[in-house]
C-alpha atoms as a PDB file:
ATOM      1  CA  MET A   1      10.430 -34.698 -46.878  1.00  0.00           C
ATOM      2  CA  PRO A   2      12.611 -32.811 -44.334  1.00  0.00           C
ATOM      3  CA  ARG A   3      10.718 -31.468 -41.355  1.00  0.00           C
ATOM      4  CA  HIS A   4      11.374 -29.058 -38.512  1.00  0.00           C
ATOM      5  CA  LEU A   5      11.087 -30.963 -35.234  1.00  0.00           C
ATOM      6  CA  LEU A   6      11.156 -29.593 -31.681  1.00  0.00           C
ATOM      7  CA  VAL A   7      12.550 -31.992 -29.067  1.00  0.00           C
ATOM      8  CA  SER A   8      12.562 -31.814 -25.256  1.00  0.00           C
ATOM      9  CA  GLY A   9      14.691 -34.250 -23.283  1.00  0.00           C
ATOM     10  CA  ALA A  10      17.108 -34.263 -26.224  1.00  0.00           C
ATOM     11  CA  SER A  11      20.147 -35.154 -24.084  1.00  0.00           C
ATOM     12  CA  GLY A  12      18.558 -38.201 -22.400  1.00  0.00           C
ATOM     13  CA  LEU A  13      18.834 -41.929 -23.066  1.00  0.00           C
ATOM     14  CA  ILE A  14      16.285 -41.822 -25.898  1.00  0.00           C
ATOM     15  CA  GLY A  15      16.689 -38.205 -26.959  1.00  0.00           C
ATOM     16  CA  THR A  16      20.409 -38.363 -27.769  1.00  0.00           C
ATOM     17  CA  PRO A  17      20.264 -41.123 -30.421  1.00  0.00           C
ATOM     18  CA  LEU A  18      16.861 -39.895 -31.620  1.00  0.00           C
ATOM     19  CA  VAL A  19      18.213 -36.438 -32.490  1.00  0.00           C
ATOM     20  CA  GLN A  20      21.182 -38.022 -34.290  1.00  0.00           C
ATOM     21  CA  HIS A  21      18.816 -40.298 -36.230  1.00  0.00           C
ATOM     22  CA  LEU A  22      16.496 -37.464 -37.246  1.00  0.00           C
ATOM     23  CA  GLN A  23      19.341 -35.211 -38.334  1.00  0.00           C
ATOM     24  CA  ALA A  24      20.883 -38.042 -40.364  1.00  0.00           C
ATOM     25  CA  LYS A  25      17.570 -38.288 -42.219  1.00  0.00           C
ATOM     26  CA  GLY A  26      17.772 -34.607 -43.120  1.00  0.00           C
ATOM     27  CA  HIS A  27      15.346 -33.179 -40.572  1.00  0.00           C
ATOM     28  CA  ARG A  28      16.015 -29.905 -38.787  1.00  0.00           C
ATOM     29  CA  VAL A  29      15.953 -30.376 -35.009  1.00  0.00           C
ATOM     30  CA  THR A  30      15.532 -27.622 -32.425  1.00  0.00           C
ATOM     31  CA  ARG A  31      16.265 -28.704 -28.854  1.00  0.00           C
ATOM     32  CA  LEU A  32      14.496 -27.386 -25.778  1.00  0.00           C
ATOM     33  CA  VAL A  33      17.227 -26.956 -23.135  1.00  0.00           C
ATOM     34  CA  ARG A  34      17.296 -25.908 -19.484  1.00  0.00           C
ATOM     35  CA  ARG A  35      20.306 -23.586 -19.883  1.00  0.00           C
ATOM     36  CA  PRO A  36      21.200 -20.602 -22.069  1.00  0.00           C
ATOM     37  CA  ALA A  37      20.333 -21.542 -25.636  1.00  0.00           C
ATOM     38  CA  GLY A  38      22.936 -22.188 -28.302  1.00  0.00           C
ATOM     39  CA  LYS A  39      22.551 -22.836 -32.003  1.00  0.00           C
ATOM     40  CA  ASN A  40      19.328 -24.699 -32.877  1.00  0.00           C
ATOM     41  CA  GLU A  41      18.183 -24.497 -29.242  1.00  0.00           C
ATOM     42  CA  VAL A  42      15.452 -22.775 -27.257  1.00  0.00           C
ATOM     43  CA  SER A  43      15.854 -22.228 -23.527  1.00  0.00           C
ATOM     44  CA  TRP A  44      12.935 -23.226 -21.309  1.00  0.00           C
ATOM     45  CA  ASP A  45      12.016 -23.916 -17.721  1.00  0.00           C
ATOM     46  CA  PRO A  46       9.572 -26.872 -17.584  1.00  0.00           C
ATOM     47  CA  MET A  47       8.286 -25.498 -14.288  1.00  0.00           C
ATOM     48  CA  GLY A  48       7.990 -21.945 -15.582  1.00  0.00           C
ATOM     49  CA  PRO A  49       4.810 -19.991 -16.241  1.00  0.00           C
ATOM     50  CA  HIS A  50       5.344 -19.290 -19.936  1.00  0.00           C
ATOM     51  CA  LEU A  51       7.070 -20.659 -23.038  1.00  0.00           C
ATOM     52  CA  ASP A  52       7.139 -18.515 -26.180  1.00  0.00           C
ATOM     53  CA  LEU A  53       7.902 -20.413 -29.387  1.00  0.00           C
ATOM     54  CA  THR A  54       6.527 -17.842 -31.816  1.00  0.00           C
ATOM     55  CA  SER A  55      10.035 -16.817 -32.924  1.00  0.00           C
ATOM     56  CA  LEU A  56      10.625 -20.273 -34.416  1.00  0.00           C
ATOM     57  CA  ALA A  57      10.091 -21.009 -38.063  1.00  0.00           C
ATOM     58  CA  ARG A  58       7.274 -23.431 -38.807  1.00  0.00           C
ATOM     59  CA  VAL A  59       7.376 -26.452 -36.456  1.00  0.00           C
ATOM     60  CA  ASP A  60       6.088 -29.633 -38.104  1.00  0.00           C
ATOM     61  CA  GLY A  61       6.325 -31.961 -35.119  1.00  0.00           C
ATOM     62  CA  VAL A  62       7.113 -31.976 -31.391  1.00  0.00           C
ATOM     63  CA  ILE A  63       8.724 -34.799 -29.400  1.00  0.00           C
ATOM     64  CA  ASN A  64       8.404 -34.401 -25.641  1.00  0.00           C
ATOM     65  CA  LEU A  65      10.723 -36.686 -23.656  1.00  0.00           C
ATOM     66  CA  ALA A  66      11.572 -34.501 -20.661  1.00  0.00           C
ATOM     67  CA  GLY A  67      11.157 -35.820 -17.119  1.00  0.00           C
ATOM     68  CA  GLU A  68      13.023 -36.361 -13.870  1.00  0.00           C
ATOM     69  CA  ASN A  69      14.758 -39.720 -13.449  1.00  0.00           C
ATOM     70  CA  ILE A  70      12.568 -42.139 -11.457  1.00  0.00           C
ATOM     71  CA  ALA A  71      15.453 -44.447 -10.433  1.00  0.00           C
ATOM     72  CA  THR A  72      15.838 -43.034  -6.953  1.00  0.00           C
ATOM     73  CA  ARG A  73      14.230 -43.552  -3.559  1.00  0.00           C
ATOM     74  CA  TRP A  74      10.834 -41.857  -3.700  1.00  0.00           C
ATOM     75  CA  THR A  75      10.951 -39.333  -0.894  1.00  0.00           C
ATOM     76  CA  SER A  76       8.205 -36.725  -0.815  1.00  0.00           C
ATOM     77  CA  ALA A  77      10.507 -34.265  -2.589  1.00  0.00           C
ATOM     78  CA  ALA A  78      11.471 -36.833  -5.243  1.00  0.00           C
ATOM     79  CA  ARG A  79       7.803 -37.650  -5.903  1.00  0.00           C
ATOM     80  CA  ARG A  80       7.080 -33.961  -6.488  1.00  0.00           C
ATOM     81  CA  ARG A  81      10.005 -33.621  -8.899  1.00  0.00           C
ATOM     82  CA  ILE A  82       9.055 -36.769 -10.813  1.00  0.00           C
ATOM     83  CA  HIS A  83       5.416 -35.707 -11.120  1.00  0.00           C
ATOM     84  CA  ASP A  84       5.863 -31.994 -11.730  1.00  0.00           C
ATOM     85  CA  SER A  85       8.683 -32.293 -14.274  1.00  0.00           C
ATOM     86  CA  ARG A  86       6.402 -34.424 -16.443  1.00  0.00           C
ATOM     87  CA  VAL A  87       2.985 -32.919 -15.883  1.00  0.00           C
ATOM     88  CA  PHE A  88       3.837 -29.210 -15.676  1.00  0.00           C
ATOM     89  CA  GLY A  89       6.437 -29.415 -18.443  1.00  0.00           C
ATOM     90  CA  THR A  90       4.011 -31.168 -20.782  1.00  0.00           C
ATOM     91  CA  GLN A  91       1.231 -28.677 -19.986  1.00  0.00           C
ATOM     92  CA  LEU A  92       3.577 -25.775 -20.710  1.00  0.00           C
ATOM     93  CA  LEU A  93       4.744 -27.237 -24.016  1.00  0.00           C
ATOM     94  CA  SER A  94       1.231 -28.261 -25.038  1.00  0.00           C
ATOM     95  CA  ARG A  95      -0.040 -24.724 -24.447  1.00  0.00           C
ATOM     96  CA  ALA A  96       2.860 -23.171 -26.329  1.00  0.00           C
ATOM     97  CA  ILE A  97       2.452 -25.263 -29.481  1.00  0.00           C
ATOM     98  CA  ALA A  98      -1.338 -24.794 -29.427  1.00  0.00           C
ATOM     99  CA  ARG A  99      -0.694 -21.050 -29.902  1.00  0.00           C
ATOM    100  CA  LEU A 100       1.522 -21.517 -32.968  1.00  0.00           C
ATOM    101  CA  GLN A 101       0.244 -20.654 -36.433  1.00  0.00           C
ATOM    102  CA  PRO A 102       0.391 -22.900 -38.278  1.00  0.00           C
ATOM    103  CA  ARG A 103       0.282 -25.541 -35.561  1.00  0.00           C
ATOM    104  CA  PRO A 104       2.482 -28.648 -35.610  1.00  0.00           C
ATOM    105  CA  GLU A 105       0.869 -31.685 -37.195  1.00  0.00           C
ATOM    106  CA  VAL A 106       1.932 -34.063 -34.422  1.00  0.00           C
ATOM    107  CA  MET A 107       3.028 -34.105 -30.789  1.00  0.00           C
ATOM    108  CA  VAL A 108       4.739 -37.282 -29.562  1.00  0.00           C
ATOM    109  CA  SER A 109       4.516 -36.926 -25.790  1.00  0.00           C
ATOM    110  CA  ALA A 110       6.133 -39.610 -23.673  1.00  0.00           C
ATOM    111  CA  SER A 111       4.403 -41.866 -21.193  1.00  0.00           C
ATOM    112  CA  ALA A 112       5.294 -45.264 -19.719  1.00  0.00           C
ATOM    113  CA  ILE A 113       3.899 -48.734 -19.142  1.00  0.00           C
ATOM    114  CA  GLY A 114       3.848 -47.852 -15.444  1.00  0.00           C
ATOM    115  CA  ILE A 115       0.327 -46.624 -16.247  1.00  0.00           C
ATOM    116  CA  TYR A 116      -0.898 -50.246 -16.102  1.00  0.00           C
ATOM    117  CA  GLY A 117       0.420 -50.915 -12.594  1.00  0.00           C
ATOM    118  CA  ASP A 118       1.327 -54.358 -11.221  1.00  0.00           C
ATOM    119  CA  ARG A 119      -0.852 -56.778 -13.206  1.00  0.00           C
ATOM    120  CA  GLY A 120       0.627 -60.245 -12.775  1.00  0.00           C
ATOM    121  CA  ASP A 121       0.235 -62.445 -15.862  1.00  0.00           C
ATOM    122  CA  GLN A 122      -2.448 -60.371 -17.627  1.00  0.00           C
ATOM    123  CA  GLU A 123      -1.717 -59.499 -21.244  1.00  0.00           C
ATOM    124  CA  LEU A 124      -2.007 -55.729 -21.536  1.00  0.00           C
ATOM    125  CA  THR A 125      -2.702 -53.709 -24.681  1.00  0.00           C
ATOM    126  CA  GLU A 126      -3.562 -50.071 -25.240  1.00  0.00           C
ATOM    127  CA  THR A 127      -7.250 -50.831 -24.614  1.00  0.00           C
ATOM    128  CA  SER A 128      -6.622 -52.480 -21.229  1.00  0.00           C
ATOM    129  CA  PRO A 129      -7.765 -50.617 -18.107  1.00  0.00           C
ATOM    130  CA  VAL A 130      -5.036 -48.650 -16.405  1.00  0.00           C
ATOM    131  CA  GLY A 131      -3.962 -49.290 -12.828  1.00  0.00           C
ATOM    132  CA  ASP A 132      -5.291 -47.684  -9.649  1.00  0.00           C
ATOM    133  CA  PRO A 133      -3.793 -44.196  -9.204  1.00  0.00           C
ATOM    134  CA  ALA A 134      -4.814 -44.153  -5.543  1.00  0.00           C
ATOM    135  CA  ARG A 135      -2.571 -47.136  -4.837  1.00  0.00           C
ATOM    136  CA  ASP A 136       0.265 -46.746  -7.338  1.00  0.00           C
ATOM    137  CA  PHE A 137       2.366 -43.598  -7.678  1.00  0.00           C
ATOM    138  CA  LEU A 138       3.529 -44.400 -11.221  1.00  0.00           C
ATOM    139  CA  VAL A 139      -0.036 -44.893 -12.408  1.00  0.00           C
ATOM    140  CA  SER A 140      -0.987 -41.457 -11.098  1.00  0.00           C
ATOM    141  CA  VAL A 141       2.090 -39.849 -12.689  1.00  0.00           C
ATOM    142  CA  CYS A 142       1.443 -41.410 -16.098  1.00  0.00           C
ATOM    143  CA  LEU A 143      -2.243 -40.468 -16.073  1.00  0.00           C
ATOM    144  CA  GLY A 144      -1.370 -36.851 -15.315  1.00  0.00           C
ATOM    145  CA  TRP A 145       1.437 -36.908 -17.878  1.00  0.00           C
ATOM    146  CA  GLU A 146      -0.884 -38.009 -20.674  1.00  0.00           C
ATOM    147  CA  ALA A 147      -3.709 -35.673 -19.640  1.00  0.00           C
ATOM    148  CA  ALA A 148      -1.293 -32.726 -19.683  1.00  0.00           C
ATOM    149  CA  ALA A 149      -1.233 -32.776 -23.507  1.00  0.00           C
ATOM    150  CA  GLU A 150      -4.971 -32.142 -23.801  1.00  0.00           C
ATOM    151  CA  GLU A 151      -4.635 -28.512 -24.886  1.00  0.00           C
ATOM    152  CA  ALA A 152      -2.647 -29.566 -27.955  1.00  0.00           C
ATOM    153  CA  ARG A 153      -5.120 -32.359 -28.708  1.00  0.00           C
ATOM    154  CA  HIS A 154      -8.110 -30.008 -28.470  1.00  0.00           C
ATOM    155  CA  THR A 155      -6.626 -27.722 -31.139  1.00  0.00           C
ATOM    156  CA  GLY A 156      -6.461 -30.584 -33.645  1.00  0.00           C
ATOM    157  CA  ILE A 157      -2.822 -31.624 -33.197  1.00  0.00           C
ATOM    158  CA  ARG A 158      -2.388 -35.398 -33.481  1.00  0.00           C
ATOM    159  CA  VAL A 159      -1.120 -36.374 -30.024  1.00  0.00           C
ATOM    160  CA  VAL A 160       0.552 -39.759 -29.516  1.00  0.00           C
ATOM    161  CA  HIS A 161       1.653 -41.129 -26.143  1.00  0.00           C
ATOM    162  CA  PRO A 162       4.400 -43.742 -26.552  1.00  0.00           C
ATOM    163  CA  ARG A 163       4.127 -45.843 -23.400  1.00  0.00           C
ATOM    164  CA  PHE A 164       7.747 -46.899 -23.068  1.00  0.00           C
ATOM    165  CA  GLY A 165       8.700 -50.222 -21.560  1.00  0.00           C
ATOM    166  CA  VAL A 166      12.149 -50.918 -20.119  1.00  0.00           C
ATOM    167  CA  VAL A 167      14.422 -49.329 -22.731  1.00  0.00           C
ATOM    168  CA  LEU A 168      17.633 -51.326 -23.144  1.00  0.00           C
ATOM    169  CA  GLY A 169      20.658 -49.253 -24.151  1.00  0.00           C
ATOM    170  CA  ARG A 170      24.274 -49.933 -23.343  1.00  0.00           C
ATOM    171  CA  GLU A 171      25.091 -46.306 -22.592  1.00  0.00           C
ATOM    172  CA  GLY A 172      22.320 -45.647 -20.091  1.00  0.00           C
ATOM    173  CA  GLY A 173      19.237 -46.847 -18.286  1.00  0.00           C
ATOM    174  CA  ALA A 174      18.719 -50.231 -16.676  1.00  0.00           C
ATOM    175  CA  LEU A 175      21.082 -52.245 -18.883  1.00  0.00           C
ATOM    176  CA  LYS A 176      24.069 -49.993 -18.218  1.00  0.00           C
ATOM    177  CA  LYS A 177      23.561 -50.470 -14.475  1.00  0.00           C
ATOM    178  CA  MET A 178      23.317 -54.258 -14.846  1.00  0.00           C
ATOM    179  CA  LEU A 179      26.311 -54.874 -17.096  1.00  0.00           C
ATOM    180  CA  PRO A 180      29.197 -54.508 -14.591  1.00  0.00           C
ATOM    181  CA  ALA A 181      27.732 -57.116 -12.224  1.00  0.00           C
ATOM    182  CA  PHE A 182      26.767 -59.494 -15.041  1.00  0.00           C
ATOM    183  CA  ARG A 183      30.206 -59.190 -16.660  1.00  0.00           C
ATOM    184  CA  ALA A 184      31.750 -60.060 -13.293  1.00  0.00           C
ATOM    185  CA  GLY A 185      29.649 -63.233 -13.094  1.00  0.00           C
ATOM    186  CA  LEU A 186      27.449 -61.736 -10.392  1.00  0.00           C
ATOM    187  CA  GLY A 187      24.214 -61.411 -12.345  1.00  0.00           C
ATOM    188  CA  SER A 188      21.130 -61.642 -10.175  1.00  0.00           C
ATOM    189  CA  ARG A 189      17.529 -62.612 -10.565  1.00  0.00           C
ATOM    190  CA  ILE A 190      15.288 -60.025  -8.904  1.00  0.00           C
ATOM    191  CA  GLY A 191      12.931 -61.341  -6.265  1.00  0.00           C
ATOM    192  CA  PRO A 192      10.868 -64.332  -7.429  1.00  0.00           C
ATOM    193  CA  GLY A 193      11.904 -63.850 -11.063  1.00  0.00           C
ATOM    194  CA  THR A 194       8.350 -64.544 -12.235  1.00  0.00           C
ATOM    195  CA  GLN A 195       7.439 -60.888 -12.825  1.00  0.00           C
ATOM    196  CA  TRP A 196       7.032 -59.934 -16.483  1.00  0.00           C
ATOM    197  CA  MET A 197       9.516 -57.480 -17.974  1.00  0.00           C
ATOM    198  CA  SER A 198       8.282 -55.612 -21.039  1.00  0.00           C
ATOM    199  CA  TRP A 199      11.448 -54.455 -22.776  1.00  0.00           C
ATOM    200  CA  ILE A 200      12.435 -52.643 -25.968  1.00  0.00           C
ATOM    201  CA  GLY A 201      15.861 -52.008 -27.514  1.00  0.00           C
ATOM    202  CA  LEU A 202      17.069 -48.418 -27.746  1.00  0.00           C
ATOM    203  CA  ASP A 203      17.629 -48.508 -31.523  1.00  0.00           C
ATOM    204  CA  GLU A 204      14.140 -49.944 -31.997  1.00  0.00           C
ATOM    205  CA  THR A 205      12.717 -47.228 -29.756  1.00  0.00           C
ATOM    206  CA  VAL A 206      14.224 -44.538 -31.973  1.00  0.00           C
ATOM    207  CA  GLU A 207      12.840 -46.185 -35.114  1.00  0.00           C
ATOM    208  CA  ILE A 208       9.368 -46.505 -33.551  1.00  0.00           C
ATOM    209  CA  ILE A 209       9.287 -42.789 -32.680  1.00  0.00           C
ATOM    210  CA  ASP A 210      10.292 -41.995 -36.264  1.00  0.00           C
ATOM    211  CA  HIS A 211       7.486 -44.272 -37.471  1.00  0.00           C
ATOM    212  CA  ILE A 212       4.960 -42.583 -35.157  1.00  0.00           C
ATOM    213  CA  LEU A 213       5.908 -39.164 -36.537  1.00  0.00           C
ATOM    214  CA  GLY A 214       4.936 -40.220 -40.041  1.00  0.00           C
ATOM    215  CA  ASP A 215       1.987 -42.562 -39.448  1.00  0.00           C
ATOM    216  CA  ARG A 216      -1.239 -40.583 -39.260  1.00  0.00           C
ATOM    217  CA  ASN A 217      -3.118 -43.728 -38.211  1.00  0.00           C
ATOM    218  CA  LEU A 218      -1.465 -43.570 -34.798  1.00  0.00           C
ATOM    219  CA  ALA A 219      -2.921 -41.352 -32.079  1.00  0.00           C
ATOM    220  CA  GLY A 220      -3.413 -41.733 -28.340  1.00  0.00           C
ATOM    221  CA  PRO A 221      -1.510 -44.414 -26.422  1.00  0.00           C
ATOM    222  CA  VAL A 222       0.977 -46.655 -28.237  1.00  0.00           C
ATOM    223  CA  ASN A 223       2.829 -49.348 -26.292  1.00  0.00           C
ATOM    224  CA  VAL A 224       6.526 -49.155 -27.156  1.00  0.00           C
ATOM    225  CA  THR A 225       7.550 -52.653 -26.136  1.00  0.00           C
ATOM    226  CA  ALA A 226       8.849 -55.671 -28.005  1.00  0.00           C
ATOM    227  CA  PRO A 227       6.187 -58.248 -28.968  1.00  0.00           C
ATOM    228  CA  HIS A 228       7.785 -60.907 -26.729  1.00  0.00           C
ATOM    229  CA  PRO A 229       8.074 -59.763 -23.098  1.00  0.00           C
ATOM    230  CA  VAL A 230       9.954 -62.079 -20.752  1.00  0.00           C
ATOM    231  CA  ARG A 231       9.908 -62.951 -17.084  1.00  0.00           C
ATOM    232  CA  ASN A 232      12.732 -61.520 -15.007  1.00  0.00           C
ATOM    233  CA  ALA A 233      14.355 -64.947 -14.592  1.00  0.00           C
ATOM    234  CA  GLU A 234      14.458 -65.368 -18.383  1.00  0.00           C
ATOM    235  CA  PHE A 235      15.903 -61.891 -18.840  1.00  0.00           C
ATOM    236  CA  THR A 236      18.611 -62.702 -16.292  1.00  0.00           C
ATOM    237  CA  SER A 237      19.581 -65.970 -17.958  1.00  0.00           C
ATOM    238  CA  SER A 238      19.502 -64.407 -21.462  1.00  0.00           C
ATOM    239  CA  LEU A 239      21.799 -61.549 -20.490  1.00  0.00           C
ATOM    240  CA  ALA A 240      24.193 -63.898 -18.685  1.00  0.00           C
ATOM    241  CA  ARG A 241      24.255 -66.227 -21.707  1.00  0.00           C
ATOM    242  CA  ALA A 242      24.898 -63.307 -24.095  1.00  0.00           C
ATOM    243  CA  LEU A 243      27.923 -62.336 -21.983  1.00  0.00           C
ATOM    244  CA  GLY A 244      29.111 -65.923 -21.480  1.00  0.00           C
ATOM    245  CA  ARG A 245      28.958 -65.561 -17.708  1.00  0.00           C
ATOM    246  CA  PRO A 246      27.009 -67.257 -14.896  1.00  0.00           C
ATOM    247  CA  ALA A 247      24.217 -65.472 -13.047  1.00  0.00           C
ATOM    248  CA  PRO A 248      23.945 -67.434  -9.803  1.00  0.00           C
ATOM    249  CA  LEU A 249      22.511 -64.853  -7.418  1.00  0.00           C
ATOM    250  CA  VAL A 250      19.089 -63.758  -6.248  1.00  0.00           C
ATOM    251  CA  VAL A 251      18.305 -60.327  -4.834  1.00  0.00           C
ATOM    252  CA  PRO A 252      15.472 -60.877  -2.324  1.00  0.00           C
ATOM    253  CA  GLY A 253      12.396 -58.752  -2.845  1.00  0.00           C
ATOM    254  CA  ALA A 254      12.419 -57.800   0.841  1.00  0.00           C
ATOM    255  CA  ALA A 255      15.903 -56.334   0.463  1.00  0.00           C
ATOM    256  CA  LEU A 256      14.825 -54.252  -2.540  1.00  0.00           C
ATOM    257  CA  ARG A 257      11.794 -52.946  -0.687  1.00  0.00           C
ATOM    258  CA  LEU A 258      14.016 -52.057   2.290  1.00  0.00           C
ATOM    259  CA  ILE A 259      16.578 -50.216   0.139  1.00  0.00           C
ATOM    260  CA  PHE A 260      14.334 -48.552  -2.435  1.00  0.00           C
ATOM    261  CA  GLY A 261      10.903 -48.492  -0.809  1.00  0.00           C
ATOM    262  CA  ASP A 262       7.980 -48.006  -3.196  1.00  0.00           C
ATOM    263  CA  MET A 263      10.324 -47.456  -6.155  1.00  0.00           C
ATOM    264  CA  GLY A 264      11.675 -50.995  -5.804  1.00  0.00           C
ATOM    265  CA  GLN A 265       8.195 -52.476  -5.583  1.00  0.00           C
ATOM    266  CA  SER A 266       6.757 -50.474  -8.501  1.00  0.00           C
ATOM    267  CA  THR A 267       9.665 -50.789 -10.950  1.00  0.00           C
ATOM    268  CA  LEU A 268      11.721 -53.875 -10.068  1.00  0.00           C
ATOM    269  CA  LEU A 269       9.190 -56.258  -8.556  1.00  0.00           C
ATOM    270  CA  ALA A 270       5.987 -55.255 -10.365  1.00  0.00           C
ATOM    271  CA  SER A 271       4.793 -57.401 -13.267  1.00  0.00           C
ATOM    272  CA  ALA A 272       3.492 -55.893 -16.521  1.00  0.00           C
ATOM    273  CA  ARG A 273       3.067 -58.134 -19.579  1.00  0.00           C
ATOM    274  CA  VAL A 274       2.587 -55.379 -22.164  1.00  0.00           C
ATOM    275  CA  LEU A 275       2.049 -56.052 -25.874  1.00  0.00           C
ATOM    276  CA  PRO A 276       2.491 -53.531 -28.752  1.00  0.00           C
ATOM    277  CA  ALA A 277      -0.941 -54.111 -30.280  1.00  0.00           C
ATOM    278  CA  ARG A 278      -1.277 -50.722 -32.011  1.00  0.00           C
ATOM    279  CA  LEU A 279       2.131 -50.943 -33.671  1.00  0.00           C
ATOM    280  CA  GLN A 280       1.335 -54.427 -34.932  1.00  0.00           C
ATOM    281  CA  GLN A 281      -2.073 -53.289 -36.194  1.00  0.00           C
ATOM    282  CA  VAL A 282      -0.478 -50.591 -38.374  1.00  0.00           C
ATOM    283  CA  GLY A 283       2.092 -53.062 -39.710  1.00  0.00           C
ATOM    284  CA  TYR A 284       5.247 -51.917 -37.938  1.00  0.00           C
ATOM    285  CA  GLN A 285       7.951 -54.555 -38.476  1.00  0.00           C
ATOM    286  CA  PHE A 286      10.127 -55.096 -35.412  1.00  0.00           C
ATOM    287  CA  ARG A 287      13.831 -55.496 -36.153  1.00  0.00           C
ATOM    288  CA  PHE A 288      14.445 -57.215 -32.809  1.00  0.00           C
ATOM    289  CA  PRO A 289      11.242 -58.887 -31.589  1.00  0.00           C
ATOM    290  CA  ASP A 290      13.075 -61.393 -29.355  1.00  0.00           C
ATOM    291  CA  LEU A 291      15.362 -60.684 -26.416  1.00  0.00           C
ATOM    292  CA  PRO A 292      18.427 -62.796 -27.419  1.00  0.00           C
ATOM    293  CA  GLY A 293      18.706 -61.059 -30.784  1.00  0.00           C
ATOM    294  CA  ALA A 294      18.227 -57.629 -29.238  1.00  0.00           C
ATOM    295  CA  LEU A 295      20.902 -58.286 -26.598  1.00  0.00           C
ATOM    296  CA  GLN A 296      23.337 -59.592 -29.190  1.00  0.00           C
ATOM    297  CA  HIS A 297      22.828 -56.433 -31.258  1.00  0.00           C
ATOM    298  CA  LEU A 298      23.240 -54.141 -28.231  1.00  0.00           C
ATOM    299  CA  LEU A 299      26.349 -55.865 -26.921  1.00  0.00           C
ATOM    300  CA  GLU A 300      28.043 -55.953 -30.327  1.00  0.00           C
ATOM    301  CA  GLN A 301      27.672 -52.210 -30.856  1.00  0.00           C
ATOM    302  CA  PRO A 302      30.915 -50.201 -30.623  1.00  0.00           C
ATOM    303  CA  ARG A 303      31.165 -47.969 -27.588  1.00  0.00           C
END
């Protein structure tokens, strides 16, 4: 049944193919944009005091993906932008949809596996304790990000927090940054290479969000990661093998900490072995559960 869906972050790595996917399935999509609105768009300021959505026709579901890019050195100003763009924007949107009559049935509001912190070899599911927000900036951001949707939850809207792992897409994100070096035969293991990397393919991510929209058994946190995470050394060798190139180098952890500071430690060197327990419990069937198959699919896609 076609639905009317409101999407923030619609031009990002996940949002762009997600909107295309939803429209191809016959859904009507309205984008929240930070510029003058065009057709099927609503202009908003995530940091603003008010968002009025009452002029929209019935909204059946909301997908909130907006947030400042974290792949930068975390200066004090960058930390504020990363935190506030997620927390204040989600609060604003949550309040706005709570005022709608009728209210949307579901709000899919993004989060990330950074909420678990650096956990070594522990297997982490949605019921695992989160990390220490006093010691880890990403933990504190993710906790605030998820809590910001409370107003929608309190009005009876089913709120789901997809905790995204490392999303692999050829046109953006981590994989796009890696490909030039790996294609040149200069692929590098990061630090010790023993840290766990919980990944998910971009196409699979889009399909999981679509599944979440329709599955009323899903609420609260949902780990959006493949069922077979890999260590960084295995990821490096798998990507090099998929490209038919060597990957002989190692980027020392000390160099990453020097260049990127806390961002390098929390995103590149931290270890999070995250499993998609909730998705498996509701019977979601992964198209690409293993890294070699996912990489082959991604690299064979036309540009």
